Each structure stands twice: as C-alpha cells, then as structure tokens.
Amino acid sequence: MAAQDKPIGSLLQDAAGDIGSIVRNEARLAQAEIKENLHRAMTGAISALLGAVVLIPALTLLLFSLAYALDDYDVVPRWAAALIAAAVGAVIGAILLARAKAALKPAALAPSRTADNLKQDAQLVKEQVR
C-alpha cells in the first residue's frame, strides 16, 4: 500500500515510531560519545600526571641552573637571580595550568556530535511535517 493510500492515523503512528527510533538511537550515540570523551579525558589526566612527576624535578633543576648562571656571570645579584628563576617557573606553571583547565572544561566533554545530530533530526522532522 502506498503512503498516499494509508489512512492518516496509520501515517501518524508510523511517524511516531520513527521519531521514537530516532530518539533511542540518539540516546545511544550520546552515551557512546560521553563515554569516549570521558575516556579521552582520563587518558589525558593520567598523561599529565605522569608528565608532571617527571617534569617537576627537571624544571626545578633547570631553574636552579638559571639562577646559578645568572649569579656566576655577575648578571644580577644572587637574590635577583633566584627571583628571576622563580618568576620563569611561575610563568611556565601558569601556562601549563591554563592549558589543562581549557582541556578539562565541561564543554570539551559534552556530546557535541550528538547535539549536531539532534538539530539535524529536528530539522528533518519539521520538513516532513510540512
């Protein structure tokens, strides 16, 4: 039976079934996307932690080396050399924290592909209803 020959009630029932199917599929997609985003965030957090464990002592030694070099070459007094090295370390730390904060924003974890699909589905439903 062609769609033109079906009664309106049957067409509405088919449309409701299709919409329900779309909603279920989008929910599954959202769940999968959230799981993927959380896995990516956890992997990034573990990598950042391991990197910090290795880099903190290295950065500390580099900053001490900078302070000693500034003092040994009589560029600045010892106290100023230590202050400059500490400022360099603070700037590096602030940059790293800002990058980490941006990567861990809730928007980065949101299911953006699912939201895009839902917008497309809503547009298709509107077009079909017209």
Foldseek 3Di string as FASTA:
>chain_A
DDPVPDDPVVVVVVVVVVVVVVVVVLVVLQVVLLVVLVVVLVVVVVVVVVCCVVVVVVLVVVLVVQLVVCCVVVVDPSVVSNVVSVVVVVVVVVVVVVVNCVCPDVVSSGNPVSVVVVVVVVVVVVVVVD
